[in-house]
Every structure is written in structure tokens, then in C-alpha cells.
Amino acid sequence: MITDIFELRPRYGEVDQMGYVYHANYLTYCHQARNELLRKMNIDEINLEKNNIILPVIYFEINYKKPAHYDELITIKTTIREQPKVRFSFEFEIRNQEKMLLSEAKSTVVFADSESRLPMSTPHFIEDLLKNKFKSDISYGAEGSSSPSVRENFNTGPLKLGTI
């Protein structure tokens, strides 16, 4: 399992008249969090484009629990649970600064050739990068370091001695 933490503050233009983050913006936030995780693993969109690879979204689901507000610190935990084959799945937990769960989402993209637009197996260079990450079961911190991080009260389950 690979996880990452991404933080942002909703901008004024991203909230509706009720003062809540407009629901469609959560999709953008999840996309941003996914891209940041991939960037930390050297699988950024520039690298993909140079290799004629695109990642079109084929599935997105979100369950809203509570609204986010303007300028409130939002934390998005992105998780990759399994090594991709053709489809590449991500899970998201969005929480506010009080660590309250605001929403949960799932997204699936597919590896595709940028010219033919046809699905393809996971490219070997990505497979190799991810294989090493899954072996170490890595968790990136908000700062982007590749050292494992522990996020207090972030639904990570009980902390066991000797795991830090």
C-alpha cells in the first residue's frame, strides 16, 4: 500500500453562496492529490506525456459527509492499495483541520497510448517504480519526503510500539 498526504486551503472562488466548497471542486482536489502522489514517485504527467502515455479517468465516486469551507485547511490522504495492471485505482479521504471526515472518494484511471487512445498494460518503467514502493509499503508526508510519516488522528489505526 502506498499513501500520501496533500494539504490545501479552498480559495474564495471555490465556495458557493452558502459558504461551502462547491461539490465539483472535490474532484479537482482529488485529481491534484493524485498528481502530487505520482509526482513524488517520479510518475508526473510531463514524464508520462514524454512516453506517450495518458491516464484518462474511467471512474470516480464520492461520498460527501460534511462540507468544507473557505480557507479551511483540508487534508487529503491518497491511497494506492494494489499494483496496477491496466487500471490504476486511488482512494481518497478528505478531512478538515479538526480531523473530521468531510468526504471519501475513489478514482480509477487507465493507462492509454496518447496517439491511439487505446488502453495498455502498465508501462515497465512505472511497474518497476511501483514494485519497489509496494515492497517498502511507503507513506509520504505532507512535505513530500520519502521517509515514512505518522499522521496523528488520521484514521491510521492503533499505533504499535516499534513501528516508527
C-alpha atoms as a PDB file:
ATOM      1  CA  MET A   1       0.000   0.000   0.000  1.00  0.00           C
ATOM      2  CA  ILE A   2       1.228   3.471  -0.872  1.00  0.00           C
ATOM      3  CA  THR A   3      -0.170   6.589   0.827  1.00  0.00           C
ATOM      4  CA  ASP A   4       0.399  10.312   0.615  1.00  0.00           C
ATOM      5  CA  ILE A   5      -0.878  13.389   2.418  1.00  0.00           C
ATOM      6  CA  PHE A   6      -1.747  16.521   0.448  1.00  0.00           C
ATOM      7  CA  GLU A   7      -2.922  19.760   2.050  1.00  0.00           C
ATOM      8  CA  LEU A   8      -4.716  22.766   0.585  1.00  0.00           C
ATOM      9  CA  ARG A   9      -6.926  25.692   1.516  1.00  0.00           C
ATOM     10  CA  PRO A  10     -10.030  26.250  -0.611  1.00  0.00           C
ATOM     11  CA  ARG A  11      -9.922  29.619  -2.353  1.00  0.00           C
ATOM     12  CA  TYR A  12     -12.736  32.156  -2.264  1.00  0.00           C
ATOM     13  CA  GLY A  13     -13.853  31.339  -5.806  1.00  0.00           C
ATOM     14  CA  GLU A  14     -14.248  27.638  -4.892  1.00  0.00           C
ATOM     15  CA  VAL A  15     -17.101  28.167  -2.416  1.00  0.00           C
ATOM     16  CA  ASP A  16     -20.790  28.626  -3.150  1.00  0.00           C
ATOM     17  CA  GLN A  17     -23.253  31.166  -1.783  1.00  0.00           C
ATOM     18  CA  MET A  18     -23.749  29.015   1.352  1.00  0.00           C
ATOM     19  CA  GLY A  19     -20.044  29.310   2.142  1.00  0.00           C
ATOM     20  CA  TYR A  20     -19.385  25.628   1.357  1.00  0.00           C
ATOM     21  CA  VAL A  21     -16.811  24.323  -1.098  1.00  0.00           C
ATOM     22  CA  TYR A  22     -18.758  23.705  -4.312  1.00  0.00           C
ATOM     23  CA  HIS A  23     -19.224  19.949  -4.706  1.00  0.00           C
ATOM     24  CA  ALA A  24     -17.495  19.655  -8.101  1.00  0.00           C
ATOM     25  CA  ASN A  25     -14.270  21.100  -6.668  1.00  0.00           C
ATOM     26  CA  TYR A  26     -13.685  17.910  -4.683  1.00  0.00           C
ATOM     27  CA  LEU A  27     -12.995  16.149  -7.979  1.00  0.00           C
ATOM     28  CA  THR A  28     -10.273  18.713  -8.733  1.00  0.00           C
ATOM     29  CA  TYR A  29      -8.841  18.329  -5.230  1.00  0.00           C
ATOM     30  CA  CYS A  30      -8.635  14.542  -5.629  1.00  0.00           C
ATOM     31  CA  HIS A  31      -7.010  14.966  -9.047  1.00  0.00           C
ATOM     32  CA  GLN A  32      -4.455  17.329  -7.509  1.00  0.00           C
ATOM     33  CA  ALA A  33      -3.744  14.923  -4.632  1.00  0.00           C
ATOM     34  CA  ARG A  34      -3.323  12.010  -7.067  1.00  0.00           C
ATOM     35  CA  ASN A  35      -0.915  14.014  -9.227  1.00  0.00           C
ATOM     36  CA  GLU A  36       1.161  15.047  -6.218  1.00  0.00           C
ATOM     37  CA  LEU A  37       1.499  11.431  -5.093  1.00  0.00           C
ATOM     38  CA  LEU A  38       2.541  10.352  -8.592  1.00  0.00           C
ATOM     39  CA  ARG A  39       4.987  13.286  -8.826  1.00  0.00           C
ATOM     40  CA  LYS A  40       6.673  12.152  -5.602  1.00  0.00           C
ATOM     41  CA  MET A  41       7.196   8.764  -7.248  1.00  0.00           C
ATOM     42  CA  ASN A  42       8.610  10.336 -10.452  1.00  0.00           C
ATOM     43  CA  ILE A  43       5.471   9.451 -12.431  1.00  0.00           C
ATOM     44  CA  ASP A  44       4.410  13.017 -13.159  1.00  0.00           C
ATOM     45  CA  GLU A  45       2.304  13.993 -16.158  1.00  0.00           C
ATOM     46  CA  ILE A  46       5.279  15.505 -18.011  1.00  0.00           C
ATOM     47  CA  ASN A  47       7.151  12.188 -17.766  1.00  0.00           C
ATOM     48  CA  LEU A  48       4.032  10.313 -18.879  1.00  0.00           C
ATOM     49  CA  GLU A  49       3.486  12.612 -21.868  1.00  0.00           C
ATOM     50  CA  LYS A  50       7.126  12.195 -22.956  1.00  0.00           C
ATOM     51  CA  ASN A  51       6.422   8.455 -23.069  1.00  0.00           C
ATOM     52  CA  ASN A  52       3.128   8.892 -24.992  1.00  0.00           C
ATOM     53  CA  ILE A  53       1.056   7.778 -22.006  1.00  0.00           C
ATOM     54  CA  ILE A  54      -2.180   9.352 -20.807  1.00  0.00           C
ATOM     55  CA  LEU A  55      -4.307   8.498 -17.773  1.00  0.00           C
ATOM     56  CA  PRO A  56      -7.960   9.144 -18.599  1.00  0.00           C
ATOM     57  CA  VAL A  57     -10.373   8.830 -15.691  1.00  0.00           C
ATOM     58  CA  ILE A  58     -12.852   5.988 -16.227  1.00  0.00           C
ATOM     59  CA  TYR A  59     -14.477   6.001 -12.796  1.00  0.00           C
ATOM     60  CA  PHE A  60     -14.999   8.493  -9.978  1.00  0.00           C
ATOM     61  CA  GLU A  61     -17.208   8.113  -6.915  1.00  0.00           C
ATOM     62  CA  ILE A  62     -17.529  10.435  -3.952  1.00  0.00           C
ATOM     63  CA  ASN A  63     -19.461  10.273  -0.704  1.00  0.00           C
ATOM     64  CA  TYR A  64     -19.945  13.673   0.941  1.00  0.00           C
ATOM     65  CA  LYS A  65     -20.148  13.656   4.754  1.00  0.00           C
ATOM     66  CA  LYS A  66     -19.670  17.303   5.809  1.00  0.00           C
ATOM     67  CA  PRO A  67     -18.923  20.493   3.879  1.00  0.00           C
ATOM     68  CA  ALA A  68     -15.532  22.152   3.655  1.00  0.00           C
ATOM     69  CA  HIS A  69     -15.303  25.936   3.969  1.00  0.00           C
ATOM     70  CA  TYR A  70     -13.292  28.794   2.502  1.00  0.00           C
ATOM     71  CA  ASP A  71      -9.663  28.953   3.758  1.00  0.00           C
ATOM     72  CA  GLU A  72     -10.108  25.893   5.996  1.00  0.00           C
ATOM     73  CA  LEU A  73      -7.055  23.623   5.900  1.00  0.00           C
ATOM     74  CA  ILE A  74      -8.066  20.466   4.021  1.00  0.00           C
ATOM     75  CA  THR A  75      -6.002  17.297   4.198  1.00  0.00           C
ATOM     76  CA  ILE A  76      -6.371  14.635   1.521  1.00  0.00           C
ATOM     77  CA  LYS A  77      -4.986  11.187   2.170  1.00  0.00           C
ATOM     78  CA  THR A  78      -4.437   9.340  -1.116  1.00  0.00           C
ATOM     79  CA  THR A  79      -4.017   5.570  -1.098  1.00  0.00           C
ATOM     80  CA  ILE A  80      -2.953   3.090  -3.753  1.00  0.00           C
ATOM     81  CA  ARG A  81      -3.847  -0.374  -2.482  1.00  0.00           C
ATOM     82  CA  GLU A  82      -2.589  -2.565  -5.301  1.00  0.00           C
ATOM     83  CA  GLN A  83      -0.142  -2.709  -8.156  1.00  0.00           C
ATOM     84  CA  PRO A  84      -1.952  -1.590 -11.350  1.00  0.00           C
ATOM     85  CA  LYS A  85      -2.283  -3.748 -14.460  1.00  0.00           C
ATOM     86  CA  VAL A  86      -4.206  -1.605 -16.968  1.00  0.00           C
ATOM     87  CA  ARG A  87      -6.462   0.175 -14.470  1.00  0.00           C
ATOM     88  CA  PHE A  88      -4.891   2.289 -11.740  1.00  0.00           C
ATOM     89  CA  SER A  89      -7.103   2.868  -8.672  1.00  0.00           C
ATOM     90  CA  PHE A  90      -6.853   5.515  -5.963  1.00  0.00           C
ATOM     91  CA  GLU A  91      -8.777   6.105  -2.726  1.00  0.00           C
ATOM     92  CA  PHE A  92      -9.119   9.472  -1.012  1.00  0.00           C
ATOM     93  CA  GLU A  93     -10.057  10.620   2.493  1.00  0.00           C
ATOM     94  CA  ILE A  94     -10.676  14.342   2.812  1.00  0.00           C
ATOM     95  CA  ARG A  95     -10.544  15.818   6.305  1.00  0.00           C
ATOM     96  CA  ASN A  96     -10.647  19.305   7.786  1.00  0.00           C
ATOM     97  CA  GLN A  97      -8.215  20.824  10.282  1.00  0.00           C
ATOM     98  CA  GLU A  98     -10.194  19.265  13.165  1.00  0.00           C
ATOM     99  CA  LYS A  99      -9.557  15.861  11.501  1.00  0.00           C
ATOM    100  CA  MET A 100     -13.287  15.445  10.783  1.00  0.00           C
ATOM    101  CA  LEU A 101     -14.048  13.295   7.755  1.00  0.00           C
ATOM    102  CA  LEU A 102     -15.544  15.512   5.047  1.00  0.00           C
ATOM    103  CA  SER A 103     -15.697  13.030   2.191  1.00  0.00           C
ATOM    104  CA  GLU A 104     -14.393   9.770   0.814  1.00  0.00           C
ATOM    105  CA  ALA A 105     -13.734   9.163  -2.864  1.00  0.00           C
ATOM    106  CA  LYS A 106     -12.456   6.554  -5.289  1.00  0.00           C
ATOM    107  CA  SER A 107     -10.961   7.144  -8.699  1.00  0.00           C
ATOM    108  CA  THR A 108      -9.774   4.807 -11.423  1.00  0.00           C
ATOM    109  CA  VAL A 109      -7.681   5.803 -14.404  1.00  0.00           C
ATOM    110  CA  VAL A 110      -6.475   3.619 -17.237  1.00  0.00           C
ATOM    111  CA  PHE A 111      -3.086   3.616 -18.908  1.00  0.00           C
ATOM    112  CA  ALA A 112      -3.591   4.524 -22.573  1.00  0.00           C
ATOM    113  CA  ASP A 113      -1.421   5.296 -25.574  1.00  0.00           C
ATOM    114  CA  SER A 114      -1.674   9.034 -26.283  1.00  0.00           C
ATOM    115  CA  GLU A 115      -1.769   8.535 -30.069  1.00  0.00           C
ATOM    116  CA  SER A 116      -4.090   5.542 -30.482  1.00  0.00           C
ATOM    117  CA  ARG A 117      -6.049   6.305 -27.276  1.00  0.00           C
ATOM    118  CA  LEU A 118      -6.210   2.545 -26.675  1.00  0.00           C
ATOM    119  CA  PRO A 119      -5.747   1.032 -23.204  1.00  0.00           C
ATOM    120  CA  MET A 120      -2.383  -0.518 -22.468  1.00  0.00           C
ATOM    121  CA  SER A 121      -0.717  -2.540 -19.740  1.00  0.00           C
ATOM    122  CA  THR A 122       1.219  -0.686 -17.081  1.00  0.00           C
ATOM    123  CA  PRO A 123       4.443   0.529 -18.736  1.00  0.00           C
ATOM    124  CA  HIS A 124       7.514  -1.332 -17.486  1.00  0.00           C
ATOM    125  CA  PHE A 125       9.232   1.761 -16.043  1.00  0.00           C
ATOM    126  CA  ILE A 126       6.106   2.524 -13.965  1.00  0.00           C
ATOM    127  CA  GLU A 127       5.712  -1.108 -12.961  1.00  0.00           C
ATOM    128  CA  ASP A 128       9.319  -1.131 -11.699  1.00  0.00           C
ATOM    129  CA  LEU A 129       8.897   2.134  -9.771  1.00  0.00           C
ATOM    130  CA  LEU A 130       5.696   0.936  -8.119  1.00  0.00           C
ATOM    131  CA  LYS A 131       7.021  -2.540  -7.395  1.00  0.00           C
ATOM    132  CA  ASN A 132       9.792  -1.023  -5.264  1.00  0.00           C
ATOM    133  CA  LYS A 133       7.306   1.236  -3.469  1.00  0.00           C
ATOM    134  CA  PHE A 134       4.945  -1.651  -2.696  1.00  0.00           C
ATOM    135  CA  LYS A 135       7.847  -3.682  -1.297  1.00  0.00           C
ATOM    136  CA  SER A 136       8.594  -0.916   1.196  1.00  0.00           C
ATOM    137  CA  ASP A 137       4.890  -0.119   1.834  1.00  0.00           C
ATOM    138  CA  ILE A 138       5.738   3.572   1.742  1.00  0.00           C
ATOM    139  CA  SER A 139       3.900   6.546   3.170  1.00  0.00           C
ATOM    140  CA  TYR A 140       4.833  10.038   2.012  1.00  0.00           C
ATOM    141  CA  GLY A 141       4.458  13.014   4.320  1.00  0.00           C
ATOM    142  CA  ALA A 142       2.856  16.367   3.569  1.00  0.00           C
ATOM    143  CA  GLU A 143       6.294  17.821   2.911  1.00  0.00           C
ATOM    144  CA  GLY A 144       6.974  15.296   0.153  1.00  0.00           C
ATOM    145  CA  SER A 145       9.782  13.421   1.867  1.00  0.00           C
ATOM    146  CA  SER A 146      10.072   9.771   1.015  1.00  0.00           C
ATOM    147  CA  SER A 147      10.529   8.795   4.633  1.00  0.00           C
ATOM    148  CA  PRO A 148       7.540   7.154   6.302  1.00  0.00           C
ATOM    149  CA  SER A 149       5.373   9.525   8.283  1.00  0.00           C
ATOM    150  CA  VAL A 150       2.817   9.101  11.035  1.00  0.00           C
ATOM    151  CA  ARG A 151      -0.189  11.412  10.994  1.00  0.00           C
ATOM    152  CA  GLU A 152      -1.785  11.685  14.417  1.00  0.00           C
ATOM    153  CA  ASN A 153      -5.564  11.099  14.451  1.00  0.00           C
ATOM    154  CA  PHE A 154      -5.761  10.444  10.727  1.00  0.00           C
ATOM    155  CA  ASN A 155      -7.635   7.163  10.902  1.00  0.00           C
ATOM    156  CA  THR A 156      -4.440   5.139  10.605  1.00  0.00           C
ATOM    157  CA  GLY A 157      -5.490   2.655  13.276  1.00  0.00           C
ATOM    158  CA  PRO A 158      -3.758   1.967  16.563  1.00  0.00           C
ATOM    159  CA  LEU A 159      -0.084   2.832  16.708  1.00  0.00           C
ATOM    160  CA  LYS A 160       2.038  -0.147  17.731  1.00  0.00           C
ATOM    161  CA  LEU A 161       5.347   0.232  19.514  1.00  0.00           C
ATOM    162  CA  GLY A 162       8.304  -0.233  17.244  1.00  0.00           C
ATOM    163  CA  THR A 163       6.505   0.906  14.093  1.00  0.00           C
ATOM    164  CA  ILE A 164       8.008   4.398  13.943  1.00  0.00           C
END
